Amino acid sequence: MVFGDREDPRARLHAVFGGPAATSGQPPVAALEWAERTLVEADPAHAADVVAATRLLRRAKRRLTLGPAVFLAKHALARRRPA
């Protein structure tokens, strides 16, 4: 199977991380929890922006393609920010 730019990033994340399928435009829970743990370990000061977070996530999990990695980074960073 070839993954293209039009693929739903949630489908790719589900293929990589497994777990229950995502709903409501959110990444799968397993992927989001992994991303949050990875970013906390790599960036404890919460200084990463979306580009840096995407780079960190792709280095940690080489199977992540760019689109799903950006999608996951945005959601993980949004959850890290104080309300």
N, C-alpha and C. Protein backbone atom coordinates (compact mmCIF):
# COMPACT_ATOMS: atom_id res chain seq x y z
N MET A 1 0.84 -1.18 0.00
CA MET A 1 0.00 0.00 0.00
C MET A 1 0.89 1.24 0.00
N VAL A 2 0.54 2.19 -0.83
CA VAL A 2 1.28 3.44 -0.91
C VAL A 2 0.47 4.51 -0.19
N PHE A 3 1.14 5.22 0.70
CA PHE A 3 0.48 6.27 1.45
C PHE A 3 0.76 7.60 0.77
N GLY A 4 -0.26 8.34 0.45
CA GLY A 4 -0.09 9.61 -0.24
C GLY A 4 -0.48 10.78 0.63
N ASP A 5 -0.38 11.96 0.04
CA ASP A 5 -0.68 13.19 0.76
C ASP A 5 -2.14 13.31 1.17
N ARG A 6 -3.02 12.61 0.49
CA ARG A 6 -4.45 12.74 0.79
C ARG A 6 -4.93 11.74 1.83
N GLU A 7 -4.04 10.95 2.33
CA GLU A 7 -4.43 9.97 3.34
C GLU A 7 -4.78 10.68 4.64
N ASP A 8 -5.79 10.18 5.31
CA ASP A 8 -6.16 10.70 6.62
C ASP A 8 -5.02 10.38 7.59
N PRO A 9 -4.42 11.40 8.22
CA PRO A 9 -3.29 11.12 9.12
C PRO A 9 -3.67 10.20 10.27
N ARG A 10 -4.94 10.22 10.66
CA ARG A 10 -5.38 9.33 11.74
C ARG A 10 -5.27 7.87 11.34
N ALA A 11 -5.51 7.58 10.06
CA ALA A 11 -5.40 6.19 9.58
C ALA A 11 -3.94 5.73 9.63
N ARG A 12 -3.03 6.59 9.22
CA ARG A 12 -1.60 6.23 9.26
C ARG A 12 -1.14 6.05 10.70
N LEU A 13 -1.55 6.94 11.59
CA LEU A 13 -1.16 6.81 12.99
C LEU A 13 -1.73 5.54 13.59
N HIS A 14 -2.94 5.19 13.23
CA HIS A 14 -3.54 3.94 13.71
C HIS A 14 -2.73 2.75 13.20
N ALA A 15 -2.27 2.80 11.96
CA ALA A 15 -1.47 1.72 11.39
C ALA A 15 -0.13 1.57 12.12
N VAL A 16 0.44 2.67 12.54
CA VAL A 16 1.75 2.64 13.21
C VAL A 16 1.61 2.27 14.68
N PHE A 17 0.62 2.83 15.38
CA PHE A 17 0.52 2.68 16.83
C PHE A 17 -0.54 1.69 17.29
N GLY A 18 -1.50 1.38 16.45
CA GLY A 18 -2.56 0.45 16.83
C GLY A 18 -3.51 1.09 17.84
N GLY A 19 -4.17 0.26 18.62
CA GLY A 19 -5.13 0.75 19.61
C GLY A 19 -6.45 1.07 18.96
N PRO A 20 -7.37 1.63 19.73
CA PRO A 20 -8.69 1.97 19.18
C PRO A 20 -8.57 3.06 18.11
N ALA A 21 -9.45 3.00 17.14
CA ALA A 21 -9.45 4.00 16.07
C ALA A 21 -9.81 5.37 16.63
N ALA A 22 -9.25 6.40 16.02
CA ALA A 22 -9.49 7.77 16.47
C ALA A 22 -10.89 8.23 16.07
N THR A 23 -11.42 9.16 16.85
CA THR A 23 -12.72 9.75 16.54
C THR A 23 -12.62 11.27 16.64
N SER A 24 -13.55 11.95 16.06
CA SER A 24 -13.71 13.41 16.20
C SER A 24 -12.48 14.21 15.82
N GLY A 25 -11.75 13.79 14.81
CA GLY A 25 -10.61 14.56 14.35
C GLY A 25 -9.40 14.51 15.25
N GLN A 26 -9.39 13.64 16.22
CA GLN A 26 -8.26 13.50 17.14
C GLN A 26 -7.35 12.37 16.69
N PRO A 27 -6.07 12.41 17.06
CA PRO A 27 -5.20 11.27 16.77
C PRO A 27 -5.58 10.10 17.68
N PRO A 28 -5.20 8.88 17.30
CA PRO A 28 -5.46 7.75 18.18
C PRO A 28 -4.82 7.97 19.55
N VAL A 29 -5.47 7.49 20.59
CA VAL A 29 -5.00 7.70 21.96
C VAL A 29 -3.58 7.17 22.14
N ALA A 30 -3.31 5.98 21.61
CA ALA A 30 -1.97 5.38 21.76
C ALA A 30 -0.90 6.28 21.15
N ALA A 31 -1.18 6.85 19.99
CA ALA A 31 -0.23 7.74 19.33
C ALA A 31 -0.03 9.03 20.11
N LEU A 32 -1.12 9.60 20.59
CA LEU A 32 -1.04 10.86 21.33
C LEU A 32 -0.29 10.68 22.65
N GLU A 33 -0.55 9.59 23.35
CA GLU A 33 0.16 9.33 24.61
C GLU A 33 1.65 9.13 24.35
N TRP A 34 1.98 8.39 23.28
CA TRP A 34 3.39 8.19 22.93
C TRP A 34 4.05 9.54 22.62
N ALA A 35 3.38 10.37 21.84
CA ALA A 35 3.94 11.67 21.46
C ALA A 35 4.16 12.55 22.69
N GLU A 36 3.21 12.56 23.59
CA GLU A 36 3.37 13.37 24.80
C GLU A 36 4.56 12.89 25.63
N ARG A 37 4.69 11.57 25.81
CA ARG A 37 5.83 11.03 26.57
C ARG A 37 7.14 11.37 25.87
N THR A 38 7.17 11.21 24.57
CA THR A 38 8.38 11.47 23.80
C THR A 38 8.79 12.93 23.90
N LEU A 39 7.83 13.83 23.78
CA LEU A 39 8.15 15.26 23.86
C LEU A 39 8.57 15.67 25.26
N VAL A 40 7.96 15.10 26.29
CA VAL A 40 8.37 15.43 27.67
C VAL A 40 9.81 14.99 27.91
N GLU A 41 10.16 13.81 27.42
CA GLU A 41 11.53 13.31 27.59
C GLU A 41 12.54 14.14 26.80
N ALA A 42 12.20 14.51 25.58
CA ALA A 42 13.12 15.23 24.71
C ALA A 42 13.13 16.73 24.93
N ASP A 43 12.04 17.27 25.46
CA ASP A 43 11.88 18.72 25.60
C ASP A 43 11.17 19.04 26.92
N PRO A 44 11.83 18.79 28.05
CA PRO A 44 11.16 19.01 29.34
C PRO A 44 10.79 20.47 29.61
N ALA A 45 11.44 21.41 28.93
CA ALA A 45 11.14 22.83 29.14
C ALA A 45 9.93 23.30 28.34
N HIS A 46 9.33 22.42 27.57
CA HIS A 46 8.16 22.77 26.73
C HIS A 46 8.49 23.90 25.76
N ALA A 47 9.70 23.91 25.22
CA ALA A 47 10.12 24.98 24.33
C ALA A 47 9.87 24.67 22.85
N ALA A 48 9.54 23.43 22.53
CA ALA A 48 9.41 23.03 21.13
C ALA A 48 8.20 23.67 20.46
N ASP A 49 8.40 24.12 19.23
CA ASP A 49 7.28 24.56 18.40
C ASP A 49 6.86 23.37 17.54
N VAL A 50 5.93 23.56 16.64
CA VAL A 50 5.41 22.44 15.83
C VAL A 50 6.52 21.83 14.97
N VAL A 51 7.36 22.66 14.38
CA VAL A 51 8.42 22.13 13.52
C VAL A 51 9.41 21.30 14.33
N ALA A 52 9.85 21.82 15.46
CA ALA A 52 10.80 21.09 16.31
C ALA A 52 10.17 19.82 16.86
N ALA A 53 8.91 19.90 17.27
CA ALA A 53 8.23 18.72 17.80
C ALA A 53 8.07 17.66 16.72
N THR A 54 7.74 18.07 15.52
CA THR A 54 7.62 17.12 14.40
C THR A 54 8.94 16.42 14.17
N ARG A 55 10.02 17.18 14.18
CA ARG A 55 11.35 16.60 13.99
C ARG A 55 11.67 15.60 15.09
N LEU A 56 11.38 15.95 16.34
CA LEU A 56 11.63 15.04 17.46
C LEU A 56 10.83 13.74 17.33
N LEU A 57 9.57 13.87 16.95
CA LEU A 57 8.72 12.68 16.82
C LEU A 57 9.18 11.79 15.67
N ARG A 58 9.57 12.39 14.56
CA ARG A 58 10.02 11.58 13.41
C ARG A 58 11.35 10.92 13.69
N ARG A 59 12.21 11.55 14.47
CA ARG A 59 13.47 10.91 14.84
C ARG A 59 13.23 9.73 15.77
N ALA A 60 12.25 9.87 16.63
CA ALA A 60 11.96 8.81 17.60
C ALA A 60 11.23 7.63 16.96
N LYS A 61 10.46 7.89 15.91
CA LYS A 61 9.67 6.82 15.26
C LYS A 61 9.80 7.03 13.75
N ARG A 62 10.76 6.35 13.15
CA ARG A 62 11.08 6.54 11.73
C ARG A 62 9.92 6.21 10.80
N ARG A 63 8.95 5.42 11.24
CA ARG A 63 7.82 5.05 10.39
C ARG A 63 6.82 6.18 10.21
N LEU A 64 6.95 7.25 10.99
CA LEU A 64 6.04 8.38 10.86
C LEU A 64 6.37 9.17 9.60
N THR A 65 5.39 9.36 8.75
CA THR A 65 5.57 10.22 7.59
C THR A 65 5.27 11.66 8.01
N LEU A 66 5.60 12.59 7.14
CA LEU A 66 5.52 14.00 7.52
C LEU A 66 4.11 14.46 7.92
N GLY A 67 3.12 14.18 7.10
CA GLY A 67 1.76 14.65 7.40
C GLY A 67 1.24 14.18 8.74
N PRO A 68 1.25 12.87 9.00
CA PRO A 68 0.79 12.39 10.30
C PRO A 68 1.64 12.90 11.47
N ALA A 69 2.95 13.09 11.23
CA ALA A 69 3.81 13.59 12.30
C ALA A 69 3.45 15.03 12.67
N VAL A 70 3.17 15.86 11.67
CA VAL A 70 2.75 17.25 11.94
C VAL A 70 1.42 17.26 12.68
N PHE A 71 0.47 16.46 12.21
CA PHE A 71 -0.85 16.35 12.84
C PHE A 71 -0.70 15.95 14.31
N LEU A 72 0.13 14.95 14.56
CA LEU A 72 0.35 14.46 15.93
C LEU A 72 1.07 15.51 16.78
N ALA A 73 2.06 16.17 16.22
CA ALA A 73 2.80 17.20 16.96
C ALA A 73 1.88 18.34 17.37
N LYS A 74 1.02 18.78 16.47
CA LYS A 74 0.09 19.88 16.81
C LYS A 74 -0.82 19.49 17.97
N HIS A 75 -1.36 18.29 17.93
CA HIS A 75 -2.26 17.85 19.00
C HIS A 75 -1.52 17.65 20.31
N ALA A 76 -0.33 17.07 20.25
CA ALA A 76 0.45 16.84 21.47
C ALA A 76 0.87 18.16 22.10
N LEU A 77 1.29 19.12 21.29
CA LEU A 77 1.68 20.42 21.83
C LEU A 77 0.49 21.17 22.41
N ALA A 78 -0.66 21.06 21.78
CA ALA A 78 -1.86 21.73 22.30
C ALA A 78 -2.21 21.21 23.68
N ARG A 79 -2.01 19.92 23.91
CA ARG A 79 -2.32 19.35 25.23
C ARG A 79 -1.27 19.71 26.27
N ARG A 80 -0.06 20.06 25.84
CA ARG A 80 1.01 20.42 26.77
C ARG A 80 0.88 21.86 27.25
N ARG A 81 0.28 22.69 26.46
CA ARG A 81 0.19 24.12 26.80
C ARG A 81 -0.77 24.34 27.97
N PRO A 82 -0.38 25.21 28.88
CA PRO A 82 -1.29 25.51 29.99
C PRO A 82 -2.55 26.22 29.49
N ALA A 83 -3.65 25.95 30.13
CA ALA A 83 -4.93 26.55 29.71
C ALA A 83 -5.05 27.99 30.13
